[in-house]
Amino acid sequence: MDSRTELTPIVPRPWLLSNTTYEGYPIYFRRPDIRVSEFESLRPRFPVLLTVTHHLGAVKSNGLPESEYNLSQIDLDSALLEPFEDELHGLVAVVETFAGKRTYYFYVSASFDLDEFERAITSCHADVLMTWERDDDPTWRLFRGYARDFQFR
Protein backbone atom coordinates (compact mmCIF):
# COMPACT_ATOMS: atom_id res chain seq x y z
CA MET A 1 0.00 0.00 0.00
CA ASP A 2 1.29 3.47 -0.93
CA SER A 3 1.79 5.66 2.11
CA ARG A 4 1.63 8.92 0.12
CA THR A 5 -1.41 11.02 0.70
CA GLU A 6 -3.37 11.74 -2.42
CA LEU A 7 -4.04 15.43 -2.82
CA THR A 8 -7.48 16.38 -3.94
CA PRO A 9 -7.22 18.79 -6.84
CA ILE A 10 -8.75 22.17 -6.20
CA VAL A 11 -11.53 22.97 -8.61
CA PRO A 12 -11.45 26.60 -9.71
CA ARG A 13 -14.38 28.67 -8.59
CA PRO A 14 -17.05 29.42 -11.16
CA TRP A 15 -16.94 32.92 -12.64
CA LEU A 16 -19.61 35.52 -12.06
CA LEU A 17 -20.15 38.01 -14.88
CA SER A 18 -21.89 41.34 -14.78
CA ASN A 19 -21.98 44.64 -16.57
CA THR A 20 -23.41 48.05 -15.91
CA THR A 21 -22.85 51.66 -16.85
CA TYR A 22 -20.43 53.87 -14.97
CA GLU A 23 -19.88 57.53 -15.79
CA GLY A 24 -21.92 56.97 -18.96
CA TYR A 25 -19.73 54.13 -20.28
CA PRO A 26 -20.15 50.36 -20.14
CA ILE A 27 -18.16 48.54 -17.49
CA TYR A 28 -17.78 44.77 -17.46
CA PHE A 29 -16.82 42.66 -14.46
CA ARG A 30 -15.88 39.09 -13.95
CA ARG A 31 -14.83 37.57 -10.71
CA PRO A 32 -14.63 34.20 -9.06
CA ASP A 33 -17.65 33.32 -6.99
CA ILE A 34 -16.31 34.53 -3.65
CA ARG A 35 -19.09 35.23 -1.22
CA VAL A 36 -18.76 38.31 0.93
CA SER A 37 -19.18 35.95 3.90
CA GLU A 38 -15.88 34.24 2.92
CA PHE A 39 -13.85 37.44 3.31
CA GLU A 40 -12.86 36.86 6.91
CA SER A 41 -11.38 33.43 6.24
CA LEU A 42 -9.49 34.53 3.11
CA ARG A 43 -8.21 37.98 4.15
CA PRO A 44 -5.46 36.82 6.54
CA ARG A 45 -3.95 34.56 3.87
CA PHE A 46 -3.83 37.24 1.17
CA PRO A 47 -3.10 40.73 2.54
CA VAL A 48 -1.41 42.19 -0.54
CA LEU A 49 -3.32 43.75 -3.42
CA LEU A 50 -1.71 43.34 -6.84
CA THR A 51 -3.24 45.50 -9.57
CA VAL A 52 -2.30 44.80 -13.18
CA THR A 53 -3.70 47.23 -15.72
CA HIS A 54 -3.69 46.16 -19.35
CA HIS A 55 -3.98 49.23 -21.56
CA LEU A 56 -6.03 47.84 -24.42
CA GLY A 57 -4.50 48.26 -27.87
CA ALA A 58 -7.71 48.48 -29.90
CA VAL A 59 -10.93 49.86 -28.44
CA LYS A 60 -14.33 50.95 -29.66
CA SER A 61 -15.64 54.46 -29.05
CA ASN A 62 -17.29 53.22 -25.83
CA GLY A 63 -13.93 52.10 -24.39
CA LEU A 64 -14.54 48.37 -24.73
CA PRO A 65 -12.05 46.27 -26.71
CA GLU A 66 -12.63 45.54 -30.35
CA SER A 67 -13.75 41.93 -30.73
CA GLU A 68 -10.80 40.67 -32.77
CA TYR A 69 -8.30 42.36 -30.46
CA ASN A 70 -10.09 40.98 -27.41
CA LEU A 71 -9.81 37.44 -28.77
CA SER A 72 -6.10 37.98 -29.43
CA GLN A 73 -5.55 38.63 -25.72
CA ILE A 74 -6.81 35.26 -24.45
CA ASP A 75 -3.27 33.95 -23.81
CA LEU A 76 -2.40 36.99 -21.71
CA ASP A 77 -5.63 36.67 -19.76
CA SER A 78 -4.93 32.99 -19.06
CA ALA A 79 -1.32 33.70 -18.07
CA LEU A 80 -2.52 36.23 -15.50
CA LEU A 81 -5.38 34.18 -14.07
CA GLU A 82 -4.26 30.54 -14.10
CA PRO A 83 -1.58 30.82 -11.38
CA PHE A 84 -4.29 31.74 -8.89
CA GLU A 85 -6.89 29.08 -9.71
CA ASP A 86 -5.67 26.86 -6.87
CA GLU A 87 -5.74 29.77 -4.38
CA LEU A 88 -2.44 28.68 -2.83
CA HIS A 89 -0.57 31.96 -3.31
CA GLY A 90 -3.43 34.29 -4.05
CA LEU A 91 -6.75 34.71 -5.74
CA VAL A 92 -8.40 36.83 -8.37
CA ALA A 93 -10.68 39.42 -6.82
CA VAL A 94 -12.10 41.24 -9.85
CA VAL A 95 -11.34 41.73 -13.53
CA GLU A 96 -12.77 45.02 -14.77
CA THR A 97 -12.95 46.22 -18.37
CA PHE A 98 -13.66 49.93 -18.68
CA ALA A 99 -12.53 52.98 -20.61
CA GLY A 100 -9.84 51.34 -22.72
CA LYS A 101 -8.32 49.29 -19.87
CA ARG A 102 -8.68 45.84 -18.40
CA THR A 103 -7.68 45.86 -14.77
CA TYR A 104 -6.94 42.68 -12.86
CA TYR A 105 -7.14 42.84 -9.07
CA PHE A 106 -5.50 40.01 -7.16
CA TYR A 107 -5.06 39.40 -3.45
CA VAL A 108 -1.81 37.55 -2.83
CA SER A 109 0.20 36.24 0.09
CA ALA A 110 3.01 38.38 1.45
CA SER A 111 5.51 35.71 0.35
CA PHE A 112 4.33 35.56 -3.28
CA ASP A 113 7.15 36.55 -5.65
CA LEU A 114 5.50 39.46 -7.43
CA ASP A 115 8.69 40.44 -9.25
CA GLU A 116 9.07 36.99 -10.79
CA PHE A 117 5.39 36.88 -11.74
CA GLU A 118 5.68 40.25 -13.48
CA ARG A 119 8.89 39.21 -15.28
CA ALA A 120 7.29 36.00 -16.52
CA ILE A 121 4.20 37.77 -17.85
CA THR A 122 5.98 40.73 -19.43
CA SER A 123 8.64 38.57 -21.08
CA CYS A 124 5.96 36.53 -22.88
CA HIS A 125 3.77 39.55 -23.66
CA ALA A 126 6.31 42.29 -24.33
CA ASP A 127 4.06 43.86 -26.97
CA VAL A 128 1.32 44.63 -24.44
CA LEU A 129 1.34 47.83 -22.39
CA MET A 130 0.73 46.96 -18.74
CA THR A 131 1.22 48.73 -15.45
CA TRP A 132 1.79 46.87 -12.19
CA GLU A 133 1.05 48.13 -8.67
CA ARG A 134 1.40 46.50 -5.29
CA ASP A 135 -0.36 47.77 -2.16
CA ASP A 136 -0.99 46.42 1.29
CA ASP A 137 -4.73 45.91 1.70
CA PRO A 138 -5.16 43.50 4.63
CA THR A 139 -8.77 44.58 5.15
CA TRP A 140 -9.63 44.05 1.47
CA ARG A 141 -10.79 47.65 1.26
CA LEU A 142 -10.80 47.56 -2.56
CA PHE A 143 -12.88 44.38 -2.82
CA ARG A 144 -15.28 45.54 -0.12
CA GLY A 145 -15.79 48.77 -2.08
CA TYR A 146 -16.60 46.86 -5.25
CA ALA A 147 -18.92 44.56 -3.32
CA ARG A 148 -20.77 47.56 -1.89
CA ASP A 149 -20.84 49.74 -5.03
CA PHE A 150 -21.80 46.97 -7.45
CA GLN A 151 -23.89 44.81 -5.08
CA PHE A 152 -21.67 41.74 -4.96
CA ARG A 153 -23.23 39.19 -2.65
C-alpha atoms as a PDB file:
ATOM      1  CA  MET A   1       0.000   0.000   0.000  1.00  0.00           C
ATOM      2  CA  ASP A   2       1.291   3.466  -0.929  1.00  0.00           C
ATOM      3  CA  SER A   3       1.789   5.663   2.114  1.00  0.00           C
ATOM      4  CA  ARG A   4       1.625   8.917   0.125  1.00  0.00           C
ATOM      5  CA  THR A   5      -1.409  11.018   0.698  1.00  0.00           C
ATOM      6  CA  GLU A   6      -3.365  11.739  -2.417  1.00  0.00           C
ATOM      7  CA  LEU A   7      -4.044  15.428  -2.818  1.00  0.00           C
ATOM      8  CA  THR A   8      -7.480  16.382  -3.944  1.00  0.00           C
ATOM      9  CA  PRO A   9      -7.216  18.793  -6.841  1.00  0.00           C
ATOM     10  CA  ILE A  10      -8.748  22.169  -6.196  1.00  0.00           C
ATOM     11  CA  VAL A  11     -11.528  22.969  -8.612  1.00  0.00           C
ATOM     12  CA  PRO A  12     -11.449  26.600  -9.711  1.00  0.00           C
ATOM     13  CA  ARG A  13     -14.380  28.672  -8.586  1.00  0.00           C
ATOM     14  CA  PRO A  14     -17.049  29.420 -11.161  1.00  0.00           C
ATOM     15  CA  TRP A  15     -16.935  32.924 -12.636  1.00  0.00           C
ATOM     16  CA  LEU A  16     -19.613  35.517 -12.064  1.00  0.00           C
ATOM     17  CA  LEU A  17     -20.149  38.007 -14.880  1.00  0.00           C
ATOM     18  CA  SER A  18     -21.887  41.343 -14.779  1.00  0.00           C
ATOM     19  CA  ASN A  19     -21.984  44.636 -16.569  1.00  0.00           C
ATOM     20  CA  THR A  20     -23.412  48.053 -15.911  1.00  0.00           C
ATOM     21  CA  THR A  21     -22.851  51.660 -16.855  1.00  0.00           C
ATOM     22  CA  TYR A  22     -20.427  53.870 -14.969  1.00  0.00           C
ATOM     23  CA  GLU A  23     -19.878  57.534 -15.787  1.00  0.00           C
ATOM     24  CA  GLY A  24     -21.917  56.970 -18.962  1.00  0.00           C
ATOM     25  CA  TYR A  25     -19.734  54.129 -20.285  1.00  0.00           C
ATOM     26  CA  PRO A  26     -20.152  50.359 -20.140  1.00  0.00           C
ATOM     27  CA  ILE A  27     -18.159  48.541 -17.489  1.00  0.00           C
ATOM     28  CA  TYR A  28     -17.776  44.767 -17.462  1.00  0.00           C
ATOM     29  CA  PHE A  29     -16.817  42.663 -14.465  1.00  0.00           C
ATOM     30  CA  ARG A  30     -15.884  39.088 -13.951  1.00  0.00           C
ATOM     31  CA  ARG A  31     -14.833  37.567 -10.708  1.00  0.00           C
ATOM     32  CA  PRO A  32     -14.634  34.197  -9.064  1.00  0.00           C
ATOM     33  CA  ASP A  33     -17.652  33.318  -6.986  1.00  0.00           C
ATOM     34  CA  ILE A  34     -16.308  34.528  -3.646  1.00  0.00           C
ATOM     35  CA  ARG A  35     -19.091  35.231  -1.223  1.00  0.00           C
ATOM     36  CA  VAL A  36     -18.757  38.315   0.935  1.00  0.00           C
ATOM     37  CA  SER A  37     -19.180  35.945   3.896  1.00  0.00           C
ATOM     38  CA  GLU A  38     -15.881  34.237   2.919  1.00  0.00           C
ATOM     39  CA  PHE A  39     -13.850  37.438   3.305  1.00  0.00           C
ATOM     40  CA  GLU A  40     -12.864  36.856   6.909  1.00  0.00           C
ATOM     41  CA  SER A  41     -11.375  33.426   6.240  1.00  0.00           C
ATOM     42  CA  LEU A  42      -9.489  34.527   3.108  1.00  0.00           C
ATOM     43  CA  ARG A  43      -8.211  37.977   4.147  1.00  0.00           C
ATOM     44  CA  PRO A  44      -5.463  36.823   6.535  1.00  0.00           C
ATOM     45  CA  ARG A  45      -3.946  34.564   3.872  1.00  0.00           C
ATOM     46  CA  PHE A  46      -3.832  37.236   1.169  1.00  0.00           C
ATOM     47  CA  PRO A  47      -3.102  40.729   2.543  1.00  0.00           C
ATOM     48  CA  VAL A  48      -1.406  42.192  -0.540  1.00  0.00           C
ATOM     49  CA  LEU A  49      -3.318  43.753  -3.417  1.00  0.00           C
ATOM     50  CA  LEU A  50      -1.714  43.340  -6.842  1.00  0.00           C
ATOM     51  CA  THR A  51      -3.237  45.496  -9.572  1.00  0.00           C
ATOM     52  CA  VAL A  52      -2.301  44.802 -13.180  1.00  0.00           C
ATOM     53  CA  THR A  53      -3.699  47.235 -15.721  1.00  0.00           C
ATOM     54  CA  HIS A  54      -3.688  46.156 -19.351  1.00  0.00           C
ATOM     55  CA  HIS A  55      -3.980  49.231 -21.558  1.00  0.00           C
ATOM     56  CA  LEU A  56      -6.034  47.836 -24.422  1.00  0.00           C
ATOM     57  CA  GLY A  57      -4.500  48.256 -27.865  1.00  0.00           C
ATOM     58  CA  ALA A  58      -7.715  48.477 -29.900  1.00  0.00           C
ATOM     59  CA  VAL A  59     -10.931  49.856 -28.444  1.00  0.00           C
ATOM     60  CA  LYS A  60     -14.335  50.947 -29.659  1.00  0.00           C
ATOM     61  CA  SER A  61     -15.642  54.464 -29.052  1.00  0.00           C
ATOM     62  CA  ASN A  62     -17.289  53.223 -25.829  1.00  0.00           C
ATOM     63  CA  GLY A  63     -13.930  52.100 -24.390  1.00  0.00           C
ATOM     64  CA  LEU A  64     -14.541  48.366 -24.729  1.00  0.00           C
ATOM     65  CA  PRO A  65     -12.052  46.270 -26.708  1.00  0.00           C
ATOM     66  CA  GLU A  66     -12.630  45.542 -30.348  1.00  0.00           C
ATOM     67  CA  SER A  67     -13.746  41.932 -30.726  1.00  0.00           C
ATOM     68  CA  GLU A  68     -10.798  40.669 -32.765  1.00  0.00           C
ATOM     69  CA  TYR A  69      -8.301  42.355 -30.464  1.00  0.00           C
ATOM     70  CA  ASN A  70     -10.088  40.981 -27.405  1.00  0.00           C
ATOM     71  CA  LEU A  71      -9.806  37.441 -28.774  1.00  0.00           C
ATOM     72  CA  SER A  72      -6.099  37.978 -29.434  1.00  0.00           C
ATOM     73  CA  GLN A  73      -5.550  38.629 -25.716  1.00  0.00           C
ATOM     74  CA  ILE A  74      -6.805  35.257 -24.446  1.00  0.00           C
ATOM     75  CA  ASP A  75      -3.272  33.951 -23.806  1.00  0.00           C
ATOM     76  CA  LEU A  76      -2.403  36.992 -21.707  1.00  0.00           C
ATOM     77  CA  ASP A  77      -5.627  36.669 -19.759  1.00  0.00           C
ATOM     78  CA  SER A  78      -4.934  32.988 -19.062  1.00  0.00           C
ATOM     79  CA  ALA A  79      -1.320  33.698 -18.070  1.00  0.00           C
ATOM     80  CA  LEU A  80      -2.516  36.230 -15.503  1.00  0.00           C
ATOM     81  CA  LEU A  81      -5.379  34.177 -14.070  1.00  0.00           C
ATOM     82  CA  GLU A  82      -4.262  30.541 -14.102  1.00  0.00           C
ATOM     83  CA  PRO A  83      -1.577  30.821 -11.385  1.00  0.00           C
ATOM     84  CA  PHE A  84      -4.293  31.744  -8.893  1.00  0.00           C
ATOM     85  CA  GLU A  85      -6.886  29.083  -9.708  1.00  0.00           C
ATOM     86  CA  ASP A  86      -5.670  26.861  -6.873  1.00  0.00           C
ATOM     87  CA  GLU A  87      -5.736  29.773  -4.376  1.00  0.00           C
ATOM     88  CA  LEU A  88      -2.440  28.675  -2.828  1.00  0.00           C
ATOM     89  CA  HIS A  89      -0.568  31.963  -3.309  1.00  0.00           C
ATOM     90  CA  GLY A  90      -3.427  34.294  -4.047  1.00  0.00           C
ATOM     91  CA  LEU A  91      -6.751  34.715  -5.739  1.00  0.00           C
ATOM     92  CA  VAL A  92      -8.402  36.828  -8.370  1.00  0.00           C
ATOM     93  CA  ALA A  93     -10.681  39.420  -6.825  1.00  0.00           C
ATOM     94  CA  VAL A  94     -12.104  41.237  -9.854  1.00  0.00           C
ATOM     95  CA  VAL A  95     -11.343  41.730 -13.533  1.00  0.00           C
ATOM     96  CA  GLU A  96     -12.765  45.024 -14.772  1.00  0.00           C
ATOM     97  CA  THR A  97     -12.946  46.216 -18.373  1.00  0.00           C
ATOM     98  CA  PHE A  98     -13.664  49.926 -18.680  1.00  0.00           C
ATOM     99  CA  ALA A  99     -12.526  52.982 -20.611  1.00  0.00           C
ATOM    100  CA  GLY A 100      -9.836  51.337 -22.717  1.00  0.00           C
ATOM    101  CA  LYS A 101      -8.323  49.292 -19.873  1.00  0.00           C
ATOM    102  CA  ARG A 102      -8.682  45.841 -18.405  1.00  0.00           C
ATOM    103  CA  THR A 103      -7.682  45.856 -14.771  1.00  0.00           C
ATOM    104  CA  TYR A 104      -6.935  42.680 -12.864  1.00  0.00           C
ATOM    105  CA  TYR A 105      -7.141  42.838  -9.070  1.00  0.00           C
ATOM    106  CA  PHE A 106      -5.500  40.006  -7.164  1.00  0.00           C
ATOM    107  CA  TYR A 107      -5.060  39.395  -3.453  1.00  0.00           C
ATOM    108  CA  VAL A 108      -1.813  37.549  -2.834  1.00  0.00           C
ATOM    109  CA  SER A 109       0.202  36.239   0.089  1.00  0.00           C
ATOM    110  CA  ALA A 110       3.010  38.384   1.449  1.00  0.00           C
ATOM    111  CA  SER A 111       5.506  35.713   0.353  1.00  0.00           C
ATOM    112  CA  PHE A 112       4.325  35.558  -3.284  1.00  0.00           C
ATOM    113  CA  ASP A 113       7.147  36.548  -5.646  1.00  0.00           C
ATOM    114  CA  LEU A 114       5.498  39.458  -7.434  1.00  0.00           C
ATOM    115  CA  ASP A 115       8.687  40.444  -9.250  1.00  0.00           C
ATOM    116  CA  GLU A 116       9.074  36.992 -10.792  1.00  0.00           C
ATOM    117  CA  PHE A 117       5.388  36.880 -11.744  1.00  0.00           C
ATOM    118  CA  GLU A 118       5.680  40.250 -13.478  1.00  0.00           C
ATOM    119  CA  ARG A 119       8.895  39.206 -15.277  1.00  0.00           C
ATOM    120  CA  ALA A 120       7.287  36.000 -16.519  1.00  0.00           C
ATOM    121  CA  ILE A 121       4.204  37.775 -17.854  1.00  0.00           C
ATOM    122  CA  THR A 122       5.982  40.732 -19.434  1.00  0.00           C
ATOM    123  CA  SER A 123       8.645  38.571 -21.085  1.00  0.00           C
ATOM    124  CA  CYS A 124       5.962  36.535 -22.884  1.00  0.00           C
ATOM    125  CA  HIS A 125       3.773  39.549 -23.656  1.00  0.00           C
ATOM    126  CA  ALA A 126       6.315  42.285 -24.333  1.00  0.00           C
ATOM    127  CA  ASP A 127       4.064  43.861 -26.972  1.00  0.00           C
ATOM    128  CA  VAL A 128       1.318  44.630 -24.439  1.00  0.00           C
ATOM    129  CA  LEU A 129       1.335  47.830 -22.390  1.00  0.00           C
ATOM    130  CA  MET A 130       0.730  46.957 -18.743  1.00  0.00           C
ATOM    131  CA  THR A 131       1.221  48.734 -15.450  1.00  0.00           C
ATOM    132  CA  TRP A 132       1.794  46.875 -12.190  1.00  0.00           C
ATOM    133  CA  GLU A 133       1.053  48.131  -8.670  1.00  0.00           C
ATOM    134  CA  ARG A 134       1.402  46.497  -5.291  1.00  0.00           C
ATOM    135  CA  ASP A 135      -0.357  47.767  -2.160  1.00  0.00           C
ATOM    136  CA  ASP A 136      -0.986  46.415   1.285  1.00  0.00           C
ATOM    137  CA  ASP A 137      -4.727  45.914   1.699  1.00  0.00           C
ATOM    138  CA  PRO A 138      -5.159  43.501   4.629  1.00  0.00           C
ATOM    139  CA  THR A 139      -8.772  44.577   5.155  1.00  0.00           C
ATOM    140  CA  TRP A 140      -9.625  44.046   1.467  1.00  0.00           C
ATOM    141  CA  ARG A 141     -10.790  47.647   1.259  1.00  0.00           C
ATOM    142  CA  LEU A 142     -10.805  47.557  -2.555  1.00  0.00           C
ATOM    143  CA  PHE A 143     -12.879  44.384  -2.825  1.00  0.00           C
ATOM    144  CA  ARG A 144     -15.277  45.541  -0.119  1.00  0.00           C
ATOM    145  CA  GLY A 145     -15.785  48.772  -2.077  1.00  0.00           C
ATOM    146  CA  TYR A 146     -16.598  46.856  -5.249  1.00  0.00           C
ATOM    147  CA  ALA A 147     -18.922  44.560  -3.317  1.00  0.00           C
ATOM    148  CA  ARG A 148     -20.765  47.559  -1.895  1.00  0.00           C
ATOM    149  CA  ASP A 149     -20.837  49.743  -5.031  1.00  0.00           C
ATOM    150  CA  PHE A 150     -21.800  46.974  -7.448  1.00  0.00           C
ATOM    151  CA  GLN A 151     -23.889  44.807  -5.083  1.00  0.00           C
ATOM    152  CA  PHE A 152     -21.670  41.741  -4.958  1.00  0.00           C
ATOM    153  CA  ARG A 153     -23.228  39.187  -2.647  1.00  0.00           C
END
